C-alpha atoms as a PDB file:
ATOM      1  CA  MET A   1      45.122 -46.874  -4.315  1.00  0.00           C
ATOM      2  CA  LEU A   2      41.439 -46.854  -5.958  1.00  0.00           C
ATOM      3  CA  PRO A   3      41.082 -47.621  -9.414  1.00  0.00           C
ATOM      4  CA  VAL A   4      40.586 -44.428 -11.358  1.00  0.00           C
ATOM      5  CA  SER A   5      37.118 -45.609 -12.770  1.00  0.00           C
ATOM      6  CA  THR A   6      35.454 -45.776  -9.350  1.00  0.00           C
ATOM      7  CA  LEU A   7      36.634 -42.145  -8.178  1.00  0.00           C
ATOM      8  CA  GLY A   8      33.760 -39.881  -7.670  1.00  0.00           C
ATOM      9  CA  ASP A   9      30.987 -42.794  -8.258  1.00  0.00           C
ATOM     10  CA  GLU A  10      30.368 -43.745  -4.516  1.00  0.00           C
ATOM     11  CA  GLY A  11      26.625 -44.368  -4.210  1.00  0.00           C
ATOM     12  CA  ALA A  12      25.961 -43.390  -7.883  1.00  0.00           C
ATOM     13  CA  SER A  13      23.799 -46.640  -8.722  1.00  0.00           C
ATOM     14  CA  ALA A  14      21.790 -45.485  -5.984  1.00  0.00           C
ATOM     15  CA  ARG A  15      20.889 -41.939  -7.451  1.00  0.00           C
ATOM     16  CA  PRO A  16      17.399 -41.585  -8.907  1.00  0.00           C
ATOM     17  CA  TYR A  17      18.872 -38.937 -11.413  1.00  0.00           C
ATOM     18  CA  HIS A  18      21.092 -39.799 -13.899  1.00  0.00           C
ATOM     19  CA  HIS A  19      21.685 -37.658 -17.313  1.00  0.00           C
ATOM     20  CA  GLY A  20      17.993 -36.918 -17.730  1.00  0.00           C
ATOM     21  CA  ASP A  21      16.071 -33.905 -17.364  1.00  0.00           C
ATOM     22  CA  LEU A  22      17.586 -32.162 -14.216  1.00  0.00           C
ATOM     23  CA  LYS A  23      15.130 -29.445 -13.710  1.00  0.00           C
ATOM     24  CA  ALA A  24      12.203 -31.905 -14.108  1.00  0.00           C
ATOM     25  CA  ALA A  25      13.867 -34.307 -11.442  1.00  0.00           C
ATOM     26  CA  LEU A  26      14.520 -31.162  -8.983  1.00  0.00           C
ATOM     27  CA  LEU A  27      10.703 -30.265  -9.401  1.00  0.00           C
ATOM     28  CA  ALA A  28       9.547 -33.824  -8.610  1.00  0.00           C
ATOM     29  CA  ALA A  29      11.681 -33.945  -5.550  1.00  0.00           C
ATOM     30  CA  ALA A  30      10.403 -30.527  -4.342  1.00  0.00           C
ATOM     31  CA  GLY A  31       6.871 -31.467  -5.093  1.00  0.00           C
ATOM     32  CA  ALA A  32       7.448 -34.641  -3.002  1.00  0.00           C
ATOM     33  CA  LEU A  33       8.894 -32.449  -0.187  1.00  0.00           C
ATOM     34  CA  LEU A  34       5.953 -30.152  -0.300  1.00  0.00           C
ATOM     35  CA  VAL A  35       3.521 -33.136   0.074  1.00  0.00           C
ATOM     36  CA  GLU A  36       5.299 -34.547   2.937  1.00  0.00           C
ATOM     37  CA  LYS A  37       6.576 -31.592   4.919  1.00  0.00           C
ATOM     38  CA  GLY A  38       4.909 -28.226   3.396  1.00  0.00           C
ATOM     39  CA  GLU A  39       6.420 -25.355   2.194  1.00  0.00           C
ATOM     40  CA  ALA A  40       8.582 -24.685   5.154  1.00  0.00           C
ATOM     41  CA  GLY A  41      10.132 -28.347   4.452  1.00  0.00           C
ATOM     42  CA  ILE A  42      11.557 -27.615   1.208  1.00  0.00           C
ATOM     43  CA  SER A  43      15.226 -26.441   0.901  1.00  0.00           C
ATOM     44  CA  LEU A  44      17.540 -26.705  -2.083  1.00  0.00           C
ATOM     45  CA  ARG A  45      19.898 -28.854  -0.216  1.00  0.00           C
ATOM     46  CA  GLU A  46      17.077 -31.345   0.489  1.00  0.00           C
ATOM     47  CA  VAL A  47      15.777 -31.251  -2.959  1.00  0.00           C
ATOM     48  CA  ALA A  48      19.142 -31.906  -4.272  1.00  0.00           C
ATOM     49  CA  ARG A  49      19.507 -34.909  -1.898  1.00  0.00           C
ATOM     50  CA  ARG A  50      16.256 -36.464  -2.920  1.00  0.00           C
ATOM     51  CA  ALA A  51      17.030 -36.251  -6.682  1.00  0.00           C
ATOM     52  CA  GLY A  52      20.513 -37.358  -6.087  1.00  0.00           C
ATOM     53  CA  VAL A  53      22.421 -34.723  -7.338  1.00  0.00           C
ATOM     54  CA  SER A  54      25.070 -32.532  -5.878  1.00  0.00           C
ATOM     55  CA  HIS A  55      24.113 -29.808  -3.306  1.00  0.00           C
ATOM     56  CA  ASN A  56      25.075 -27.174  -5.997  1.00  0.00           C
ATOM     57  CA  ALA A  57      22.952 -28.962  -8.881  1.00  0.00           C
ATOM     58  CA  PRO A  58      19.949 -27.200  -8.222  1.00  0.00           C
ATOM     59  CA  TYR A  59      21.591 -23.574  -8.779  1.00  0.00           C
ATOM     60  CA  ARG A  60      21.690 -24.407 -12.676  1.00  0.00           C
ATOM     61  CA  HIS A  61      17.876 -23.908 -12.797  1.00  0.00           C
ATOM     62  CA  PHE A  62      16.956 -22.145  -9.685  1.00  0.00           C
ATOM     63  CA  PRO A  63      19.131 -19.150  -8.612  1.00  0.00           C
ATOM     64  CA  ASP A  64      17.215 -19.400  -5.055  1.00  0.00           C
ATOM     65  CA  ARG A  65      14.710 -21.188  -2.956  1.00  0.00           C
ATOM     66  CA  ASP A  66      11.966 -18.773  -4.074  1.00  0.00           C
ATOM     67  CA  SER A  67      12.619 -19.386  -7.668  1.00  0.00           C
ATOM     68  CA  LEU A  68      12.004 -23.127  -7.207  1.00  0.00           C
ATOM     69  CA  LEU A  69       8.974 -22.424  -5.098  1.00  0.00           C
ATOM     70  CA  ALA A  70       7.601 -20.077  -7.985  1.00  0.00           C
ATOM     71  CA  ALA A  71       8.414 -23.033 -10.343  1.00  0.00           C
ATOM     72  CA  LEU A  72       6.293 -25.481  -8.328  1.00  0.00           C
ATOM     73  CA  ALA A  73       3.359 -22.963  -7.955  1.00  0.00           C
ATOM     74  CA  ALA A  74       3.473 -22.341 -11.731  1.00  0.00           C
ATOM     75  CA  GLU A  75       3.334 -26.170 -12.229  1.00  0.00           C
ATOM     76  CA  GLY A  76       0.166 -26.105 -10.024  1.00  0.00           C
ATOM     77  CA  PHE A  77      -1.457 -23.351 -11.983  1.00  0.00           C
ATOM     78  CA  ASP A  78      -0.621 -25.250 -15.156  1.00  0.00           C
ATOM     79  CA  GLU A  79      -2.003 -28.396 -13.892  1.00  0.00           C
ATOM     80  CA  LEU A  80      -5.223 -26.643 -12.725  1.00  0.00           C
ATOM     81  CA  SER A  81      -5.488 -24.822 -15.886  1.00  0.00           C
ATOM     82  CA  GLU A  82      -5.426 -28.345 -17.811  1.00  0.00           C
ATOM     83  CA  ARG A  83      -8.002 -29.502 -15.832  1.00  0.00           C
ATOM     84  CA  SER A  84     -10.160 -26.700 -15.864  1.00  0.00           C
ATOM     85  CA  ARG A  85      -9.960 -26.734 -19.980  1.00  0.00           C
ATOM     86  CA  GLN A  86     -11.213 -30.496 -19.583  1.00  0.00           C
ATOM     87  CA  ALA A  87     -13.973 -29.325 -17.235  1.00  0.00           C
ATOM     88  CA  GLY A  88     -15.678 -27.097 -19.976  1.00  0.00           C
ATOM     89  CA  GLU A  89     -18.353 -24.682 -18.720  1.00  0.00           C
ATOM     90  CA  LEU A  90     -18.025 -22.472 -15.516  1.00  0.00           C
ATOM     91  CA  ALA A  91     -19.937 -24.853 -12.814  1.00  0.00           C
ATOM     92  CA  GLY A  92     -17.710 -27.560 -14.023  1.00  0.00           C
ATOM     93  CA  LEU A  93     -14.451 -25.141 -13.870  1.00  0.00           C
ATOM     94  CA  GLY A  94     -15.552 -24.200 -10.248  1.00  0.00           C
ATOM     95  CA  GLN A  95     -16.016 -27.874  -9.086  1.00  0.00           C
ATOM     96  CA  CYS A  96     -12.551 -28.473 -10.597  1.00  0.00           C
ATOM     97  CA  TYR A  97     -11.154 -25.467  -8.562  1.00  0.00           C
ATOM     98  CA  VAL A  98     -12.349 -26.726  -5.475  1.00  0.00           C
ATOM     99  CA  ALA A  99     -11.371 -30.720  -6.235  1.00  0.00           C
ATOM    100  CA  PHE A 100      -7.462 -29.659  -6.846  1.00  0.00           C
ATOM    101  CA  ALA A 101      -7.442 -27.468  -3.898  1.00  0.00           C
ATOM    102  CA  LEU A 102      -8.640 -30.454  -1.692  1.00  0.00           C
ATOM    103  CA  GLU A 103      -6.506 -32.976  -3.427  1.00  0.00           C
ATOM    104  CA  GLN A 104      -3.359 -31.027  -3.396  1.00  0.00           C
ATOM    105  CA  PRO A 105      -3.731 -28.536  -0.286  1.00  0.00           C
ATOM    106  CA  GLY A 106       0.148 -27.628  -0.160  1.00  0.00           C
ATOM    107  CA  ARG A 107       0.178 -26.807  -3.679  1.00  0.00           C
ATOM    108  CA  PHE A 108      -2.838 -24.965  -3.801  1.00  0.00           C
ATOM    109  CA  ALA A 109      -1.397 -22.864  -0.535  1.00  0.00           C
ATOM    110  CA  LEU A 110       1.733 -22.346  -2.385  1.00  0.00           C
ATOM    111  CA  MET A 111       0.171 -21.101  -5.347  1.00  0.00           C
ATOM    112  CA  PHE A 112      -1.577 -18.430  -3.482  1.00  0.00           C
ATOM    113  CA  SER A 113       1.174 -17.624  -0.996  1.00  0.00           C
ATOM    114  CA  PRO A 114       1.837 -13.994  -0.045  1.00  0.00           C
ATOM    115  CA  GLY A 115       5.614 -14.825   0.155  1.00  0.00           C
ATOM    116  CA  LEU A 116       5.876 -15.442  -3.480  1.00  0.00           C
ATOM    117  CA  ASP A 117       6.352 -12.363  -5.497  1.00  0.00           C
ATOM    118  CA  LYS A 118       4.813 -13.028  -8.828  1.00  0.00           C
ATOM    119  CA  SER A 119       6.325  -9.892 -10.310  1.00  0.00           C
ATOM    120  CA  ARG A 120       9.786 -11.404  -9.587  1.00  0.00           C
ATOM    121  CA  HIS A 121       8.985 -14.579 -11.413  1.00  0.00           C
ATOM    122  CA  PRO A 122       7.308 -14.253 -14.698  1.00  0.00           C
ATOM    123  CA  GLU A 123       6.653 -17.778 -15.311  1.00  0.00           C
ATOM    124  CA  LEU A 124       4.258 -17.870 -12.131  1.00  0.00           C
ATOM    125  CA  GLN A 125       2.661 -14.684 -13.247  1.00  0.00           C
ATOM    126  CA  ALA A 126       1.753 -16.004 -16.555  1.00  0.00           C
ATOM    127  CA  ALA A 127       0.723 -19.349 -15.263  1.00  0.00           C
ATOM    128  CA  ALA A 128      -1.552 -17.590 -12.989  1.00  0.00           C
ATOM    129  CA  LEU A 129      -3.064 -15.240 -15.671  1.00  0.00           C
ATOM    130  CA  ARG A 130      -3.534 -18.277 -18.089  1.00  0.00           C
ATOM    131  CA  LEU A 131      -5.975 -19.830 -15.180  1.00  0.00           C
ATOM    132  CA  PHE A 132      -7.690 -16.272 -14.582  1.00  0.00           C
ATOM    133  CA  ASP A 133      -8.188 -16.144 -18.541  1.00  0.00           C
ATOM    134  CA  LEU A 134      -9.694 -19.479 -18.784  1.00  0.00           C
ATOM    135  CA  LEU A 135     -12.103 -18.295 -15.799  1.00  0.00           C
ATOM    136  CA  ARG A 136     -13.081 -15.082 -17.449  1.00  0.00           C
ATOM    137  CA  GLU A 137     -13.963 -16.900 -20.756  1.00  0.00           C
ATOM    138  CA  ALA A 138     -16.093 -19.469 -18.897  1.00  0.00           C
ATOM    139  CA  VAL A 139     -17.801 -16.563 -17.252  1.00  0.00           C
ATOM    140  CA  ARG A 140     -18.115 -14.460 -20.551  1.00  0.00           C
ATOM    141  CA  GLN A 141     -19.686 -17.743 -22.087  1.00  0.00           C
ATOM    142  CA  ALA A 142     -22.192 -18.260 -18.979  1.00  0.00           C
ATOM    143  CA  ALA A 143     -23.118 -14.663 -18.697  1.00  0.00           C
ATOM    144  CA  PRO A 144     -22.487 -12.663 -21.790  1.00  0.00           C
ATOM    145  CA  LYS A 145     -24.768  -9.667 -20.439  1.00  0.00           C
ATOM    146  CA  ARG A 146     -22.577  -9.099 -17.245  1.00  0.00           C
ATOM    147  CA  ASP A 147     -19.679  -7.111 -16.485  1.00  0.00           C
ATOM    148  CA  VAL A 148     -16.950  -9.732 -17.381  1.00  0.00           C
ATOM    149  CA  GLN A 149     -14.560  -8.456 -14.712  1.00  0.00           C
ATOM    150  CA  ILE A 150     -16.904  -8.123 -11.780  1.00  0.00           C
ATOM    151  CA  ALA A 151     -18.620 -11.412 -12.780  1.00  0.00           C
ATOM    152  CA  THR A 152     -14.962 -13.321 -13.059  1.00  0.00           C
ATOM    153  CA  LEU A 153     -14.006 -11.528  -9.665  1.00  0.00           C
ATOM    154  CA  ALA A 154     -17.129 -12.895  -8.113  1.00  0.00           C
ATOM    155  CA  ALA A 155     -16.838 -16.536  -9.466  1.00  0.00           C
ATOM    156  CA  TRP A 156     -13.107 -16.731  -8.286  1.00  0.00           C
ATOM    157  CA  SER A 157     -13.829 -15.405  -4.926  1.00  0.00           C
ATOM    158  CA  LEU A 158     -16.741 -18.079  -4.458  1.00  0.00           C
ATOM    159  CA  VAL A 159     -14.557 -21.001  -5.476  1.00  0.00           C
ATOM    160  CA  HIS A 160     -11.359 -19.750  -3.771  1.00  0.00           C
ATOM    161  CA  GLY A 161     -13.290 -19.050  -0.517  1.00  0.00           C
ATOM    162  CA  LEU A 162     -15.076 -22.268  -0.584  1.00  0.00           C
ATOM    163  CA  SER A 163     -11.739 -24.078  -1.098  1.00  0.00           C
ATOM    164  CA  GLN A 164     -10.262 -22.129   1.610  1.00  0.00           C
ATOM    165  CA  LEU A 165     -13.107 -22.807   4.318  1.00  0.00           C
ATOM    166  CA  LEU A 166     -13.048 -26.470   3.237  1.00  0.00           C
ATOM    167  CA  LEU A 167      -9.421 -26.874   3.944  1.00  0.00           C
ATOM    168  CA  ASP A 168      -9.453 -24.974   7.107  1.00  0.00           C
ATOM    169  CA  ARG A 169     -12.402 -27.066   8.216  1.00  0.00           C
ATOM    170  CA  GLN A 170     -14.527 -24.093   8.866  1.00  0.00           C
ATOM    171  CA  LEU A 171     -17.659 -25.566   7.701  1.00  0.00           C
ATOM    172  CA  SER A 172     -19.065 -27.707  10.381  1.00  0.00           C
ATOM    173  CA  GLU A 173     -21.543 -30.741   9.996  1.00  0.00           C
ATOM    174  CA  THR A 174     -24.220 -28.550  11.176  1.00  0.00           C
ATOM    175  CA  LEU A 175     -23.687 -26.158   8.002  1.00  0.00           C
ATOM    176  CA  LEU A 176     -22.946 -29.186   5.652  1.00  0.00           C
ATOM    177  CA  GLY A 177     -24.860 -32.003   6.800  1.00  0.00           C
ATOM    178  CA  GLU A 178     -23.258 -35.152   5.782  1.00  0.00           C
ATOM    179  CA  GLN A 179     -22.658 -33.754   2.076  1.00  0.00           C
ATOM    180  CA  PRO A 180     -19.363 -34.636   0.635  1.00  0.00           C
ATOM    181  CA  ALA A 181     -17.014 -31.684  -0.435  1.00  0.00           C
ATOM    182  CA  ALA A 182     -17.610 -32.585  -4.121  1.00  0.00           C
ATOM    183  CA  MET A 183     -21.292 -32.593  -3.957  1.00  0.00           C
ATOM    184  CA  LEU A 184     -21.357 -29.424  -1.999  1.00  0.00           C
ATOM    185  CA  SER A 185     -18.974 -27.600  -4.589  1.00  0.00           C
ATOM    186  CA  GLU A 186     -21.439 -28.829  -7.339  1.00  0.00           C
ATOM    187  CA  GLN A 187     -24.508 -27.177  -5.720  1.00  0.00           C
ATOM    188  CA  VAL A 188     -22.552 -23.928  -4.660  1.00  0.00           C
ATOM    189  CA  THR A 189     -20.880 -23.521  -8.232  1.00  0.00           C
ATOM    190  CA  ARG A 190     -24.331 -24.220  -9.922  1.00  0.00           C
ATOM    191  CA  LEU A 191     -26.433 -22.102  -7.965  1.00  0.00           C
ATOM    192  CA  PHE A 192     -23.696 -19.210  -8.712  1.00  0.00           C
ATOM    193  CA  THR A 193     -23.899 -19.946 -12.447  1.00  0.00           C
ATOM    194  CA  GLU A 194     -27.526 -20.023 -12.404  1.00  0.00           C
ATOM    195  CA  GLY A 195     -27.791 -16.818 -10.504  1.00  0.00           C
ATOM    196  CA  LEU A 196     -25.591 -15.000 -13.400  1.00  0.00           C
ATOM    197  CA  GLY A 197     -27.908 -15.919 -16.193  1.00  0.00           C
END
């Protein structure tokens, strides 16, 4: 017979999570899976295994896979919002947007996934709106005489479209020359910003 103190402790020392912030541990594990395997590679069971918790533990915070994905996407919007605040003016914000997309393509794709219904996930919707509000304010400051809604939509379309073209490798060297993506995004966003004024 096993001593009582060892029952249920098999492999516990190898587990990365132990009496801390379960939600953060689950999101970190899901984020790592997103980088490694993409959105399709994320399951609650695998996230639990990676976090070193029981396969039922994720359900304490996420009732289903979509809720976990929505939380990951919301984290992405929050991170991009924080970077954007630091970028300051409109051109810097645009460059920040493109850089984020290129640095975290899986997270970026998840943030704008048509499979995630933002109306079902208020925290995701709120995070996305915070980023949009930052963009709108940067546009308002850069072009106070323009219709702010139309100019904001144009700015967002520009940086999102450029990001997607770069991610999808749709800009050939013939179009780009040998410019790095950062230089290209700087030139495109500056040209747009100057055109607003």
